[in-house]
């Protein structure tokens, strides 16, 4: 089992889910895994054990929730990276606390994480909630274009136009662009001809477990250094 010199804090109020997350991280070889059932206890853990590399954080909890926890530790340097483990509402209209008039919700989370130095990606761009309107509402750094545009790239000129326009949009807004769903070398070659710098898909690698990903990285590095 590989050893990962990582200190991880699991913040989850559901006891079973918290236990599963802790065991999975330990099985992956994480050096130290701490846990807390709410934001207040998580702050106490950090005070006791010091800074951690990653906080796996549920946003929707009783007491001090994950959003409040993120806001409190964001500027302290006690957590180097956050992984959000709960779903976010698709409704991005501002919400207010009726007593304090403070703004709350996903917009505050995104802007707060952006101010902390986190990079934000808009996934599956061009479908569902990932629209131009969302792109303008929140401080994204990266556009991930939905793979559906790549699947018909060879036979549909309009898909090529959409990809080219998205690349131009990303350049104009100062955002990087990732093309999803690359499954063949022919698609990769066409995207390179369009000027696509970054992509992902089955042509490169399929989804894999954490241990499988580490093994894949080692094999890839070994193949690149062979004469």
Protein backbone atom coordinates (compact mmCIF):
# COMPACT_ATOMS: atom_id res chain seq x y z
CA UNK A 1 0.00 0.00 0.00
CA UNK A 2 1.45 3.42 -0.91
CA UNK A 3 2.01 5.89 1.91
CA UNK A 4 0.74 9.43 1.31
CA UNK A 5 2.22 12.02 3.68
CA UNK A 6 -1.12 13.81 3.96
CA UNK A 7 -3.01 15.08 6.98
CA UNK A 8 -6.74 14.96 6.22
CA UNK A 9 -9.72 16.21 8.24
CA UNK A 10 -13.12 14.63 7.54
CA UNK A 11 -15.97 16.98 8.47
CA UNK A 12 -19.26 15.05 8.27
CA UNK A 13 -22.22 14.93 10.69
CA UNK A 14 -23.51 11.51 9.52
CA UNK A 15 -21.62 8.94 11.61
CA UNK A 16 -21.71 6.12 9.05
CA UNK A 17 -20.63 8.30 6.13
CA UNK A 18 -17.87 9.81 8.25
CA UNK A 19 -16.64 6.35 9.21
CA UNK A 20 -16.63 5.18 5.57
CA UNK A 21 -14.69 8.26 4.45
CA UNK A 22 -12.10 7.83 7.22
CA UNK A 23 -11.58 4.14 6.41
CA UNK A 24 -11.26 4.82 2.67
CA UNK A 25 -8.65 7.54 3.25
CA UNK A 26 -6.73 5.25 5.59
CA UNK A 27 -6.92 2.44 3.02
CA UNK A 28 -5.50 4.82 0.39
CA UNK A 29 -2.48 5.32 2.64
CA UNK A 30 -3.09 8.83 4.01
CA UNK A 31 -0.66 9.47 6.83
CA UNK A 32 -3.06 11.00 9.39
CA UNK A 33 -6.86 11.18 9.19
CA UNK A 34 -8.84 13.24 11.71
CA UNK A 35 -12.60 13.56 11.99
CA UNK A 36 -15.28 15.89 13.33
CA UNK A 37 -19.08 15.92 13.28
CA UNK A 38 -19.57 19.68 12.91
CA UNK A 39 -17.69 22.90 12.31
CA UNK A 40 -17.13 23.73 15.99
CA UNK A 41 -15.57 20.32 16.65
CA UNK A 42 -13.49 20.66 13.48
CA UNK A 43 -12.06 23.95 14.77
CA UNK A 44 -11.22 22.23 18.07
CA UNK A 45 -9.47 19.41 16.19
CA UNK A 46 -7.36 21.91 14.24
CA UNK A 47 -6.43 23.70 17.43
CA UNK A 48 -5.34 20.38 18.96
CA UNK A 49 -3.47 18.77 16.05
CA UNK A 50 -2.40 21.76 13.96
CA UNK A 51 -2.81 22.44 10.24
CA UNK A 52 -4.01 19.81 7.77
CA UNK A 53 -3.42 19.38 4.05
CA UNK A 54 -7.03 18.62 3.07
CA UNK A 55 -10.46 19.08 4.65
CA UNK A 56 -13.19 16.83 3.26
CA UNK A 57 -16.18 18.99 4.11
CA UNK A 58 -19.96 18.47 4.18
CA UNK A 59 -21.72 21.82 3.82
CA UNK A 60 -25.12 20.86 5.24
CA UNK A 61 -24.83 20.08 8.95
CA UNK A 62 -26.50 20.96 12.22
CA UNK A 63 -24.78 23.59 14.36
CA UNK A 64 -21.81 25.25 12.65
CA UNK A 65 -22.15 24.04 9.06
CA UNK A 66 -19.42 23.53 6.50
CA UNK A 67 -19.88 26.94 4.92
CA UNK A 68 -19.35 28.72 8.24
CA UNK A 69 -16.33 26.51 8.91
CA UNK A 70 -14.80 27.41 5.53
CA UNK A 71 -15.29 31.11 6.20
CA UNK A 72 -13.65 30.86 9.63
CA UNK A 73 -10.56 28.89 8.63
CA UNK A 74 -10.13 30.34 5.14
CA UNK A 75 -7.70 33.08 6.13
CA UNK A 76 -5.87 31.17 8.89
CA UNK A 77 -3.82 28.81 6.71
CA UNK A 78 -4.87 25.84 8.86
CA UNK A 79 -6.33 24.03 5.83
CA UNK A 80 -4.42 23.96 2.53
CA UNK A 81 -7.22 22.54 0.35
CA UNK A 82 -10.95 21.81 0.60
CA UNK A 83 -13.00 19.05 -1.00
CA UNK A 84 -16.75 19.71 -0.89
CA UNK A 85 -18.57 16.42 -0.33
CA UNK A 86 -22.19 17.58 -0.51
CA UNK A 87 -24.29 18.75 -3.43
CA UNK A 88 -24.95 22.44 -4.09
CA UNK A 89 -28.24 23.95 -5.05
CA UNK A 90 -28.65 24.97 -8.66
CA UNK A 91 -30.49 28.10 -7.56
CA UNK A 92 -27.85 30.84 -7.57
CA UNK A 93 -30.13 33.75 -6.63
CA UNK A 94 -28.87 35.54 -3.50
CA UNK A 95 -30.37 34.41 -0.20
CA UNK A 96 -30.42 36.49 2.97
CA UNK A 97 -30.61 35.80 6.67
CA UNK A 98 -33.79 37.67 7.66
CA UNK A 99 -32.39 38.63 11.09
CA UNK A 100 -28.86 39.72 10.16
CA UNK A 101 -29.42 40.57 6.42
CA UNK A 102 -26.17 38.68 5.67
CA UNK A 103 -25.96 37.01 2.25
CA UNK A 104 -25.68 33.23 2.39
CA UNK A 105 -25.64 30.30 0.01
CA UNK A 106 -23.53 28.99 -2.84
CA UNK A 107 -22.51 32.42 -4.16
CA UNK A 108 -20.84 33.29 -0.87
CA UNK A 109 -19.11 29.91 -0.83
CA UNK A 110 -17.73 30.31 -4.35
CA UNK A 111 -16.60 33.88 -3.88
CA UNK A 112 -15.10 33.08 -0.49
CA UNK A 113 -13.13 30.15 -1.87
CA UNK A 114 -11.97 32.31 -4.80
CA UNK A 115 -10.71 34.98 -2.37
CA UNK A 116 -8.86 32.23 -0.48
CA UNK A 117 -6.93 31.42 -3.66
CA UNK A 118 -8.95 28.39 -4.81
CA UNK A 119 -9.46 27.87 -8.55
CA UNK A 120 -13.06 27.28 -9.66
CA UNK A 121 -14.14 25.27 -12.71
CA UNK A 122 -17.56 25.33 -14.37
CA UNK A 123 -18.20 21.71 -15.37
CA UNK A 124 -20.24 20.40 -18.34
CA UNK A 125 -20.31 23.89 -19.86
CA UNK A 126 -23.03 24.30 -22.48
CA UNK A 127 -25.57 22.01 -20.77
CA UNK A 128 -28.03 22.26 -17.88
CA UNK A 129 -27.11 24.85 -15.24
CA UNK A 130 -23.63 25.40 -16.74
CA UNK A 131 -24.68 28.32 -18.90
CA UNK A 132 -23.25 31.67 -19.97
CA UNK A 133 -25.33 33.26 -17.22
CA UNK A 134 -23.63 31.11 -14.56
CA UNK A 135 -20.25 31.92 -16.09
CA UNK A 136 -20.92 35.64 -15.53
CA UNK A 137 -22.39 35.22 -12.04
CA UNK A 138 -19.47 33.49 -10.33
CA UNK A 139 -15.66 33.98 -10.44
CA UNK A 140 -14.69 30.87 -12.42
CA UNK A 141 -11.09 30.29 -13.53
CA UNK A 142 -11.72 27.37 -15.87
CA UNK A 143 -14.32 26.23 -18.41
CA UNK A 144 -14.84 22.48 -18.90
CA UNK A 145 -16.73 22.00 -22.15
CA UNK A 146 -19.21 19.12 -22.09
CA UNK A 147 -18.12 15.98 -23.95
CA UNK A 148 -21.29 15.89 -26.05
CA UNK A 149 -19.75 18.45 -28.40
CA UNK A 150 -16.77 16.15 -29.02
CA UNK A 151 -18.78 13.00 -29.76
CA UNK A 152 -20.20 14.45 -32.99
CA UNK A 153 -17.18 16.59 -33.82
CA UNK A 154 -16.22 14.63 -36.95
CA UNK A 155 -19.64 14.91 -38.60
CA UNK A 156 -21.15 18.13 -37.26
CA UNK A 157 -19.59 21.48 -38.27
CA UNK A 158 -21.65 23.31 -35.65
CA UNK A 159 -19.87 21.39 -32.88
CA UNK A 160 -16.52 22.55 -34.23
CA UNK A 161 -17.87 26.10 -34.21
CA UNK A 162 -19.01 25.73 -30.58
CA UNK A 163 -15.59 24.43 -29.52
CA UNK A 164 -13.76 27.22 -31.36
CA UNK A 165 -16.09 29.84 -29.85
CA UNK A 166 -15.56 28.43 -26.35
CA UNK A 167 -11.79 28.61 -26.78
CA UNK A 168 -12.10 32.24 -27.87
CA UNK A 169 -14.45 32.95 -24.96
CA UNK A 170 -12.00 31.46 -22.49
CA UNK A 171 -9.14 33.52 -23.91
CA UNK A 172 -11.21 36.71 -23.77
CA UNK A 173 -12.22 36.08 -20.15
CA UNK A 174 -8.76 34.96 -19.06
CA UNK A 175 -9.98 31.42 -18.30
CA UNK A 176 -8.39 28.11 -19.19
CA UNK A 177 -10.52 25.67 -21.24
CA UNK A 178 -10.65 21.88 -20.82
CA UNK A 179 -12.37 19.75 -23.48
CA UNK A 180 -14.13 16.72 -22.00
CA UNK A 181 -15.04 13.40 -23.62
CA UNK A 182 -12.04 12.69 -25.88
CA UNK A 183 -12.34 9.00 -26.80
CA UNK A 184 -10.37 8.58 -30.04
CA UNK A 185 -7.09 9.76 -31.51
CA UNK A 186 -9.02 11.25 -34.44
CA UNK A 187 -10.91 13.50 -32.02
CA UNK A 188 -7.66 14.46 -30.31
CA UNK A 189 -6.06 15.42 -33.64
CA UNK A 190 -9.06 17.54 -34.65
CA UNK A 191 -9.03 19.33 -31.28
CA UNK A 192 -5.31 20.01 -31.60
CA UNK A 193 -5.99 21.52 -35.04
CA UNK A 194 -8.59 23.80 -33.42
CA UNK A 195 -6.02 24.95 -30.86
CA UNK A 196 -7.29 23.05 -27.82
CA UNK A 197 -4.52 22.96 -25.17
CA UNK A 198 -6.05 20.65 -22.53
CA UNK A 199 -8.45 17.70 -22.65
CA UNK A 200 -9.66 14.64 -20.81
CA UNK A 201 -11.45 11.44 -21.70
CA UNK A 202 -11.20 7.69 -22.21
CA UNK A 203 -8.51 8.11 -24.89
CA UNK A 204 -6.15 9.12 -22.06
CA UNK A 205 -7.49 7.08 -19.14
CA UNK A 206 -10.71 5.68 -17.74
CA UNK A 207 -12.07 6.44 -14.25
CA UNK A 208 -10.09 4.56 -11.60
CA UNK A 209 -9.73 4.15 -7.86
CA UNK A 210 -7.26 6.21 -5.87
CA UNK A 211 -4.82 3.29 -5.67
CA UNK A 212 -5.27 2.61 -9.39
CA UNK A 213 -4.57 6.27 -10.19
CA UNK A 214 -1.30 6.20 -8.24
CA UNK A 215 -0.29 2.99 -10.04
CA UNK A 216 -1.21 4.56 -13.41
CA UNK A 217 0.94 7.63 -12.64
CA UNK A 218 3.93 5.46 -11.72
CA UNK A 219 3.61 3.39 -14.90
CA UNK A 220 3.24 6.54 -16.99
CA UNK A 221 6.34 8.13 -15.43
CA UNK A 222 8.35 4.94 -15.94
CA UNK A 223 7.36 4.72 -19.61
CA UNK A 224 8.41 8.34 -20.20
CA UNK A 225 11.92 7.90 -18.76
CA UNK A 226 12.73 4.70 -20.64
CA UNK A 227 15.35 5.17 -23.39
